Amino acid sequence: MSSVAEWIRDRVDTSRTTVGLFAGDVAAITLFVVLGELSHGIDPTAVPGYVITNTLSPFLVGWLLVSIPVGMYGPATDDSRSKLALRTAGAWFLADVVAQVIRATPYIKGGASLENIVVFGLVSFTVGGTLLVFWRVGTAVVTARRRSTALA
């Protein structure tokens, strides 16, 4: 069991900054789900249990299963903004695939045909990915400005 804990410790920086980054990721994914539900005429506040269980949870699980191993919460790197955007988009793509697989199981209500999964996968990659990339790159820009101001 300690090897699992060590593996996670090697990939997750436990600073307040990382906690804030994680909270922002969850907020971006939640916003993506809420926008999607609203676009389908569903009021997420009217059926929160359904939305959380059948829509939000698969994406959060997918993000957690992918983001930690690929180092999205690891010690800060000096990635350029474009590299950060590509890393974030790549992680979201894999998380989206995981979410689509989860949503295709009989445990999730409202399963879809393969065609619908492909279309929804592309839409969720584009919309969710855009929100996450803007959040991640925006955070990096603000953090870099704060550091440069503090050094001046």
N, C-alpha and C. Protein backbone atom coordinates (compact mmCIF):
# COMPACT_ATOMS: atom_id res chain seq x y z
N MET A 1 0.82 -1.20 0.00
CA MET A 1 0.00 0.00 0.00
C MET A 1 0.86 1.26 0.00
N SER A 2 2.00 1.20 0.65
CA SER A 2 2.85 2.39 0.69
C SER A 2 3.37 2.74 -0.70
N SER A 3 3.52 1.76 -1.57
CA SER A 3 3.99 2.07 -2.91
C SER A 3 2.95 2.89 -3.69
N VAL A 4 1.66 2.64 -3.44
CA VAL A 4 0.61 3.45 -4.07
C VAL A 4 0.67 4.87 -3.54
N ALA A 5 0.82 5.00 -2.22
CA ALA A 5 0.92 6.33 -1.61
C ALA A 5 2.15 7.07 -2.14
N GLU A 6 3.26 6.38 -2.28
CA GLU A 6 4.47 7.01 -2.81
C GLU A 6 4.27 7.43 -4.26
N TRP A 7 3.62 6.57 -5.03
CA TRP A 7 3.36 6.86 -6.43
C TRP A 7 2.53 8.14 -6.55
N ILE A 8 1.51 8.26 -5.72
CA ILE A 8 0.66 9.46 -5.75
C ILE A 8 1.45 10.67 -5.28
N ARG A 9 2.22 10.52 -4.20
CA ARG A 9 3.03 11.65 -3.70
C ARG A 9 4.01 12.16 -4.75
N ASP A 10 4.53 11.25 -5.58
CA ASP A 10 5.46 11.66 -6.64
C ASP A 10 4.77 12.46 -7.73
N ARG A 11 3.46 12.33 -7.85
CA ARG A 11 2.73 12.96 -8.94
C ARG A 11 1.83 14.11 -8.50
N VAL A 12 1.66 14.30 -7.20
CA VAL A 12 0.77 15.34 -6.71
C VAL A 12 1.51 16.25 -5.75
N ASP A 13 1.57 17.52 -6.10
CA ASP A 13 2.12 18.54 -5.21
C ASP A 13 0.99 18.93 -4.25
N THR A 14 1.24 18.84 -2.96
CA THR A 14 0.17 19.07 -1.98
C THR A 14 0.08 20.52 -1.50
N SER A 15 0.54 21.44 -2.31
CA SER A 15 0.48 22.85 -1.92
C SER A 15 -0.93 23.41 -2.08
N ARG A 16 -1.15 24.58 -1.48
CA ARG A 16 -2.44 25.27 -1.62
C ARG A 16 -2.71 25.62 -3.08
N THR A 17 -1.66 25.92 -3.80
CA THR A 17 -1.82 26.24 -5.22
C THR A 17 -2.44 25.07 -5.97
N THR A 18 -1.98 23.87 -5.67
CA THR A 18 -2.52 22.68 -6.34
C THR A 18 -3.97 22.44 -5.95
N VAL A 19 -4.29 22.68 -4.69
CA VAL A 19 -5.68 22.53 -4.24
C VAL A 19 -6.57 23.51 -5.02
N GLY A 20 -6.10 24.74 -5.18
CA GLY A 20 -6.85 25.73 -5.96
C GLY A 20 -6.98 25.34 -7.42
N LEU A 21 -5.92 24.78 -7.97
CA LEU A 21 -5.95 24.32 -9.35
C LEU A 21 -6.96 23.19 -9.52
N PHE A 22 -6.97 22.26 -8.58
CA PHE A 22 -7.93 21.16 -8.61
C PHE A 22 -9.36 21.69 -8.51
N ALA A 23 -9.58 22.64 -7.59
CA ALA A 23 -10.93 23.22 -7.43
C ALA A 23 -11.37 23.90 -8.73
N GLY A 24 -10.46 24.59 -9.38
CA GLY A 24 -10.78 25.22 -10.66
C GLY A 24 -11.08 24.21 -11.75
N ASP A 25 -10.33 23.11 -11.76
CA ASP A 25 -10.61 22.04 -12.73
C ASP A 25 -12.01 21.48 -12.53
N VAL A 26 -12.35 21.21 -11.26
CA VAL A 26 -13.69 20.69 -10.95
C VAL A 26 -14.75 21.71 -11.37
N ALA A 27 -14.49 22.98 -11.12
CA ALA A 27 -15.45 24.03 -11.51
C ALA A 27 -15.61 24.09 -13.03
N ALA A 28 -14.50 23.98 -13.77
CA ALA A 28 -14.57 24.02 -15.24
C ALA A 28 -15.35 22.82 -15.78
N ILE A 29 -15.10 21.64 -15.22
CA ILE A 29 -15.81 20.44 -15.67
C ILE A 29 -17.29 20.54 -15.30
N THR A 30 -17.57 21.06 -14.11
CA THR A 30 -18.96 21.24 -13.69
C THR A 30 -19.67 22.25 -14.60
N LEU A 31 -19.00 23.34 -14.93
CA LEU A 31 -19.58 24.34 -15.84
C LEU A 31 -19.89 23.70 -17.19
N PHE A 32 -18.97 22.89 -17.70
CA PHE A 32 -19.19 22.19 -18.96
C PHE A 32 -20.46 21.33 -18.88
N VAL A 33 -20.62 20.58 -17.79
CA VAL A 33 -21.80 19.72 -17.63
C VAL A 33 -23.07 20.55 -17.52
N VAL A 34 -23.03 21.61 -16.72
CA VAL A 34 -24.22 22.47 -16.56
C VAL A 34 -24.61 23.09 -17.90
N LEU A 35 -23.65 23.61 -18.64
CA LEU A 35 -23.96 24.18 -19.96
C LEU A 35 -24.56 23.13 -20.88
N GLY A 36 -24.02 21.92 -20.83
CA GLY A 36 -24.56 20.84 -21.65
C GLY A 36 -25.98 20.49 -21.29
N GLU A 37 -26.25 20.38 -20.00
CA GLU A 37 -27.62 20.06 -19.56
C GLU A 37 -28.58 21.16 -19.98
N LEU A 38 -28.18 22.40 -19.79
CA LEU A 38 -29.05 23.52 -20.18
C LEU A 38 -29.30 23.53 -21.68
N SER A 39 -28.27 23.19 -22.47
CA SER A 39 -28.45 23.17 -23.93
C SER A 39 -29.42 22.08 -24.37
N HIS A 40 -29.62 21.08 -23.52
CA HIS A 40 -30.58 20.01 -23.82
C HIS A 40 -31.93 20.25 -23.13
N GLY A 41 -32.11 21.44 -22.57
CA GLY A 41 -33.38 21.78 -21.94
C GLY A 41 -33.58 21.15 -20.57
N ILE A 42 -32.49 20.75 -19.93
CA ILE A 42 -32.58 20.14 -18.60
C ILE A 42 -32.11 21.15 -17.57
N ASP A 43 -32.91 21.36 -16.55
CA ASP A 43 -32.52 22.24 -15.44
C ASP A 43 -31.75 21.39 -14.44
N PRO A 44 -30.43 21.55 -14.35
CA PRO A 44 -29.64 20.71 -13.46
C PRO A 44 -30.04 20.83 -11.99
N THR A 45 -30.60 21.98 -11.61
CA THR A 45 -31.01 22.14 -10.21
C THR A 45 -32.31 21.39 -9.92
N ALA A 46 -33.07 21.06 -10.97
CA ALA A 46 -34.32 20.32 -10.77
C ALA A 46 -34.07 18.83 -10.56
N VAL A 47 -32.98 18.33 -11.14
CA VAL A 47 -32.65 16.89 -11.02
C VAL A 47 -31.17 16.73 -10.69
N PRO A 48 -30.70 17.32 -9.58
CA PRO A 48 -29.26 17.31 -9.30
C PRO A 48 -28.69 15.90 -9.14
N GLY A 49 -29.42 15.00 -8.51
CA GLY A 49 -28.90 13.64 -8.33
C GLY A 49 -28.65 12.95 -9.65
N TYR A 50 -29.58 13.12 -10.58
CA TYR A 50 -29.44 12.52 -11.90
C TYR A 50 -28.23 13.11 -12.63
N VAL A 51 -28.11 14.42 -12.61
CA VAL A 51 -27.02 15.09 -13.31
C VAL A 51 -25.68 14.70 -12.71
N ILE A 52 -25.59 14.69 -11.39
CA ILE A 52 -24.32 14.34 -10.74
C ILE A 52 -23.95 12.90 -11.05
N THR A 53 -24.90 11.99 -10.91
CA THR A 53 -24.61 10.57 -11.10
C THR A 53 -24.35 10.21 -12.56
N ASN A 54 -25.16 10.70 -13.45
CA ASN A 54 -25.11 10.25 -14.84
C ASN A 54 -24.28 11.11 -15.77
N THR A 55 -24.01 12.33 -15.40
CA THR A 55 -23.26 13.21 -16.29
C THR A 55 -21.96 13.69 -15.67
N LEU A 56 -22.03 14.32 -14.53
CA LEU A 56 -20.83 14.91 -13.93
C LEU A 56 -19.84 13.86 -13.45
N SER A 57 -20.31 12.87 -12.72
CA SER A 57 -19.40 11.88 -12.13
C SER A 57 -18.49 11.19 -13.14
N PRO A 58 -19.01 10.72 -14.28
CA PRO A 58 -18.10 10.07 -15.23
C PRO A 58 -16.95 10.98 -15.69
N PHE A 59 -17.23 12.27 -15.85
CA PHE A 59 -16.17 13.18 -16.28
C PHE A 59 -15.17 13.46 -15.16
N LEU A 60 -15.66 13.59 -13.94
CA LEU A 60 -14.74 13.79 -12.81
C LEU A 60 -13.88 12.55 -12.59
N VAL A 61 -14.48 11.38 -12.67
CA VAL A 61 -13.71 10.13 -12.52
C VAL A 61 -12.68 10.03 -13.63
N GLY A 62 -13.10 10.31 -14.86
CA GLY A 62 -12.16 10.28 -15.98
C GLY A 62 -11.00 11.24 -15.77
N TRP A 63 -11.31 12.45 -15.31
CA TRP A 63 -10.26 13.45 -15.09
C TRP A 63 -9.30 12.99 -14.00
N LEU A 64 -9.82 12.46 -12.91
CA LEU A 64 -8.94 11.99 -11.83
C LEU A 64 -8.08 10.82 -12.28
N LEU A 65 -8.66 9.89 -13.01
CA LEU A 65 -7.91 8.72 -13.46
C LEU A 65 -6.79 9.08 -14.44
N VAL A 66 -6.96 10.16 -15.16
CA VAL A 66 -5.96 10.56 -16.15
C VAL A 66 -5.03 11.65 -15.63
N SER A 67 -5.58 12.67 -14.99
CA SER A 67 -4.79 13.86 -14.64
C SER A 67 -3.67 13.56 -13.65
N ILE A 68 -3.91 12.68 -12.71
CA ILE A 68 -2.85 12.37 -11.73
C ILE A 68 -1.69 11.63 -12.38
N PRO A 69 -1.94 10.53 -13.11
CA PRO A 69 -0.80 9.83 -13.73
C PRO A 69 -0.01 10.67 -14.73
N VAL A 70 -0.69 11.58 -15.45
CA VAL A 70 0.05 12.37 -16.43
C VAL A 70 0.68 13.62 -15.82
N GLY A 71 0.52 13.81 -14.52
CA GLY A 71 1.23 14.88 -13.83
C GLY A 71 0.58 16.25 -13.86
N MET A 72 -0.73 16.32 -14.05
CA MET A 72 -1.39 17.62 -14.08
C MET A 72 -1.38 18.32 -12.72
N TYR A 73 -1.13 17.57 -11.66
CA TYR A 73 -1.06 18.15 -10.31
C TYR A 73 0.33 18.00 -9.72
N GLY A 74 1.30 17.71 -10.56
CA GLY A 74 2.66 17.53 -10.09
C GLY A 74 3.33 18.86 -9.81
N PRO A 75 4.57 18.78 -9.38
CA PRO A 75 5.32 20.01 -9.13
C PRO A 75 5.31 20.90 -10.38
N ALA A 76 5.26 22.19 -10.16
CA ALA A 76 5.17 23.14 -11.27
C ALA A 76 6.32 22.92 -12.25
N THR A 77 5.97 23.00 -13.51
CA THR A 77 6.99 22.91 -14.55
C THR A 77 7.07 24.25 -15.25
N ASP A 78 8.11 24.42 -16.01
CA ASP A 78 8.27 25.66 -16.75
C ASP A 78 7.77 25.50 -18.19
N ASP A 79 6.69 24.74 -18.34
CA ASP A 79 6.10 24.56 -19.66
C ASP A 79 5.69 25.91 -20.24
N SER A 80 5.87 26.05 -21.52
CA SER A 80 5.34 27.23 -22.19
C SER A 80 3.82 27.14 -22.16
N ARG A 81 3.17 28.24 -22.45
CA ARG A 81 1.70 28.23 -22.46
C ARG A 81 1.17 27.25 -23.50
N SER A 82 1.84 27.17 -24.64
CA SER A 82 1.37 26.24 -25.68
C SER A 82 1.55 24.79 -25.24
N LYS A 83 2.66 24.48 -24.58
CA LYS A 83 2.85 23.11 -24.07
C LYS A 83 1.83 22.79 -22.98
N LEU A 84 1.55 23.75 -22.12
CA LEU A 84 0.55 23.55 -21.08
C LEU A 84 -0.83 23.32 -21.70
N ALA A 85 -1.16 24.10 -22.72
CA ALA A 85 -2.44 23.92 -23.41
C ALA A 85 -2.53 22.54 -24.04
N LEU A 86 -1.45 22.09 -24.68
CA LEU A 86 -1.45 20.76 -25.30
C LEU A 86 -1.54 19.65 -24.26
N ARG A 87 -0.80 19.81 -23.15
CA ARG A 87 -0.86 18.80 -22.08
C ARG A 87 -2.26 18.72 -21.49
N THR A 88 -2.87 19.88 -21.26
CA THR A 88 -4.23 19.91 -20.71
C THR A 88 -5.22 19.30 -21.68
N ALA A 89 -5.13 19.68 -22.95
CA ALA A 89 -6.05 19.13 -23.95
C ALA A 89 -5.86 17.62 -24.09
N GLY A 90 -4.61 17.16 -24.06
CA GLY A 90 -4.35 15.73 -24.15
C GLY A 90 -4.91 14.97 -22.97
N ALA A 91 -4.73 15.51 -21.78
CA ALA A 91 -5.28 14.87 -20.58
C ALA A 91 -6.80 14.86 -20.63
N TRP A 92 -7.40 15.96 -21.09
CA TRP A 92 -8.86 16.01 -21.18
C TRP A 92 -9.37 15.02 -22.23
N PHE A 93 -8.66 14.89 -23.34
CA PHE A 93 -9.07 13.92 -24.36
C PHE A 93 -9.15 12.52 -23.76
N LEU A 94 -8.11 12.12 -23.05
CA LEU A 94 -8.11 10.78 -22.42
C LEU A 94 -9.20 10.67 -21.36
N ALA A 95 -9.38 11.73 -20.57
CA ALA A 95 -10.43 11.73 -19.54
C ALA A 95 -11.80 11.62 -20.19
N ASP A 96 -11.98 12.29 -21.32
CA ASP A 96 -13.24 12.23 -22.06
C ASP A 96 -13.51 10.81 -22.55
N VAL A 97 -12.47 10.14 -23.05
CA VAL A 97 -12.63 8.75 -23.49
C VAL A 97 -13.07 7.88 -22.32
N VAL A 98 -12.41 8.04 -21.17
CA VAL A 98 -12.79 7.28 -19.97
C VAL A 98 -14.25 7.57 -19.61
N ALA A 99 -14.63 8.84 -19.64
CA ALA A 99 -16.01 9.22 -19.29
C ALA A 99 -17.01 8.60 -20.26
N GLN A 100 -16.68 8.58 -21.54
CA GLN A 100 -17.60 7.99 -22.52
C GLN A 100 -17.75 6.49 -22.29
N VAL A 101 -16.67 5.82 -21.93
CA VAL A 101 -16.74 4.39 -21.62
C VAL A 101 -17.62 4.17 -20.40
N ILE A 102 -17.43 4.99 -19.37
CA ILE A 102 -18.27 4.87 -18.16
C ILE A 102 -19.73 5.11 -18.50
N ARG A 103 -19.98 6.14 -19.30
CA ARG A 103 -21.37 6.48 -19.65
C ARG A 103 -22.03 5.41 -20.51
N ALA A 104 -21.23 4.60 -21.19
CA ALA A 104 -21.78 3.54 -22.04
C ALA A 104 -22.14 2.28 -21.25
N THR A 105 -21.78 2.24 -19.97
CA THR A 105 -22.08 1.06 -19.16
C THR A 105 -23.55 1.06 -18.76
N PRO A 106 -24.08 -0.10 -18.39
CA PRO A 106 -25.48 -0.16 -17.97
C PRO A 106 -25.73 0.52 -16.62
N TYR A 107 -24.68 0.92 -15.93
CA TYR A 107 -24.84 1.56 -14.62
C TYR A 107 -25.25 3.02 -14.73
N ILE A 108 -25.07 3.58 -15.91
CA ILE A 108 -25.39 4.99 -16.14
C ILE A 108 -26.66 5.06 -16.97
N LYS A 109 -27.64 5.81 -16.48
CA LYS A 109 -28.91 5.94 -17.22
C LYS A 109 -28.71 6.81 -18.45
N GLY A 110 -29.49 6.53 -19.46
CA GLY A 110 -29.43 7.34 -20.67
C GLY A 110 -28.30 6.95 -21.59
N GLY A 111 -27.94 5.68 -21.60
CA GLY A 111 -26.88 5.21 -22.49
C GLY A 111 -27.17 5.59 -23.93
N ALA A 112 -26.14 5.71 -24.72
CA ALA A 112 -26.32 6.18 -26.09
C ALA A 112 -25.73 5.17 -27.08
N SER A 113 -26.14 5.31 -28.32
CA SER A 113 -25.59 4.49 -29.39
C SER A 113 -24.14 4.90 -29.63
N LEU A 114 -23.40 4.07 -30.34
CA LEU A 114 -22.01 4.38 -30.64
C LEU A 114 -21.90 5.71 -31.39
N GLU A 115 -22.80 5.94 -32.32
CA GLU A 115 -22.78 7.19 -33.08
C GLU A 115 -22.96 8.39 -32.15
N ASN A 116 -23.91 8.30 -31.23
CA ASN A 116 -24.13 9.40 -30.29
C ASN A 116 -22.94 9.59 -29.36
N ILE A 117 -22.31 8.49 -28.97
CA ILE A 117 -21.14 8.59 -28.10
C ILE A 117 -20.01 9.31 -28.82
N VAL A 118 -19.81 9.00 -30.10
CA VAL A 118 -18.75 9.66 -30.87
C VAL A 118 -19.03 11.15 -30.99
N VAL A 119 -20.26 11.51 -31.33
CA VAL A 119 -20.63 12.92 -31.47
C VAL A 119 -20.49 13.63 -30.12
N PHE A 120 -21.05 13.02 -29.07
CA PHE A 120 -20.96 13.64 -27.75
C PHE A 120 -19.51 13.71 -27.28
N GLY A 121 -18.73 12.70 -27.61
CA GLY A 121 -17.31 12.72 -27.25
C GLY A 121 -16.59 13.90 -27.88
N LEU A 122 -16.87 14.16 -29.15
CA LEU A 122 -16.25 15.30 -29.83
C LEU A 122 -16.70 16.63 -29.23
N VAL A 123 -18.00 16.73 -28.95
CA VAL A 123 -18.52 17.96 -28.35
C VAL A 123 -17.94 18.16 -26.96
N SER A 124 -17.91 17.10 -26.16
CA SER A 124 -17.40 17.23 -24.79
C SER A 124 -15.90 17.51 -24.79
N PHE A 125 -15.17 16.92 -25.74
CA PHE A 125 -13.74 17.22 -25.83
C PHE A 125 -13.55 18.70 -26.16
N THR A 126 -14.32 19.20 -27.12
CA THR A 126 -14.16 20.58 -27.56
C THR A 126 -14.57 21.58 -26.47
N VAL A 127 -15.76 21.42 -25.93
CA VAL A 127 -16.27 22.39 -24.96
C VAL A 127 -15.55 22.25 -23.62
N GLY A 128 -15.52 21.04 -23.08
CA GLY A 128 -14.84 20.83 -21.80
C GLY A 128 -13.36 21.13 -21.88
N GLY A 129 -12.75 20.72 -23.00
CA GLY A 129 -11.32 20.98 -23.19
C GLY A 129 -11.01 22.45 -23.28
N THR A 130 -11.86 23.19 -23.98
CA THR A 130 -11.66 24.64 -24.09
C THR A 130 -11.73 25.30 -22.72
N LEU A 131 -12.72 24.92 -21.92
CA LEU A 131 -12.84 25.49 -20.57
C LEU A 131 -11.61 25.16 -19.72
N LEU A 132 -11.17 23.91 -19.76
CA LEU A 132 -10.00 23.52 -18.97
C LEU A 132 -8.72 24.21 -19.45
N VAL A 133 -8.55 24.30 -20.77
CA VAL A 133 -7.34 24.94 -21.30
C VAL A 133 -7.32 26.42 -20.92
N PHE A 134 -8.45 27.12 -21.08
CA PHE A 134 -8.49 28.53 -20.69
C PHE A 134 -8.20 28.69 -19.20
N TRP A 135 -8.78 27.84 -18.37
CA TRP A 135 -8.54 27.89 -16.92
C TRP A 135 -7.07 27.65 -16.62
N ARG A 136 -6.51 26.59 -17.16
CA ARG A 136 -5.12 26.24 -16.85
C ARG A 136 -4.13 27.28 -17.36
N VAL A 137 -4.28 27.70 -18.60
CA VAL A 137 -3.36 28.69 -19.16
C VAL A 137 -3.56 30.04 -18.48
N GLY A 138 -4.81 30.42 -18.23
CA GLY A 138 -5.07 31.67 -17.51
C GLY A 138 -4.44 31.68 -16.13
N THR A 139 -4.53 30.57 -15.44
CA THR A 139 -3.91 30.45 -14.12
C THR A 139 -2.40 30.58 -14.22
N ALA A 140 -1.82 29.97 -15.24
CA ALA A 140 -0.36 30.05 -15.43
C ALA A 140 0.08 31.48 -15.71
N VAL A 141 -0.71 32.20 -16.50
CA VAL A 141 -0.38 33.60 -16.82
C VAL A 141 -0.43 34.45 -15.56
N VAL A 142 -1.49 34.31 -14.77
CA VAL A 142 -1.64 35.09 -13.53
C VAL A 142 -0.52 34.75 -12.56
N THR A 143 -0.21 33.47 -12.42
CA THR A 143 0.85 33.04 -11.50
C THR A 143 2.20 33.62 -11.94
N ALA A 144 2.49 33.58 -13.23
CA ALA A 144 3.75 34.12 -13.73
C ALA A 144 3.84 35.62 -13.48
N ARG A 145 2.74 36.33 -13.66
CA ARG A 145 2.75 37.78 -13.41
C ARG A 145 2.97 38.09 -11.94
N ARG A 146 2.34 37.29 -11.08
CA ARG A 146 2.53 37.50 -9.64
C ARG A 146 3.98 37.26 -9.25
N ARG A 147 4.58 36.23 -9.81
CA ARG A 147 5.99 35.94 -9.50
C ARG A 147 6.90 37.06 -9.97
N SER A 148 6.65 37.55 -11.20
CA SER A 148 7.52 38.61 -11.73
C SER A 148 7.33 39.91 -10.95
N THR A 149 6.12 40.18 -10.49
CA THR A 149 5.87 41.37 -9.68
C THR A 149 6.53 41.24 -8.32
N ALA A 150 6.48 40.05 -7.74
CA ALA A 150 7.08 39.82 -6.42
C ALA A 150 8.59 39.95 -6.48
N LEU A 151 9.19 39.59 -7.62
CA LEU A 151 10.64 39.66 -7.76
C LEU A 151 11.12 41.08 -8.02
N ALA A 152 10.23 41.94 -8.52
CA ALA A 152 10.62 43.31 -8.89
C ALA A 152 10.83 44.18 -7.69
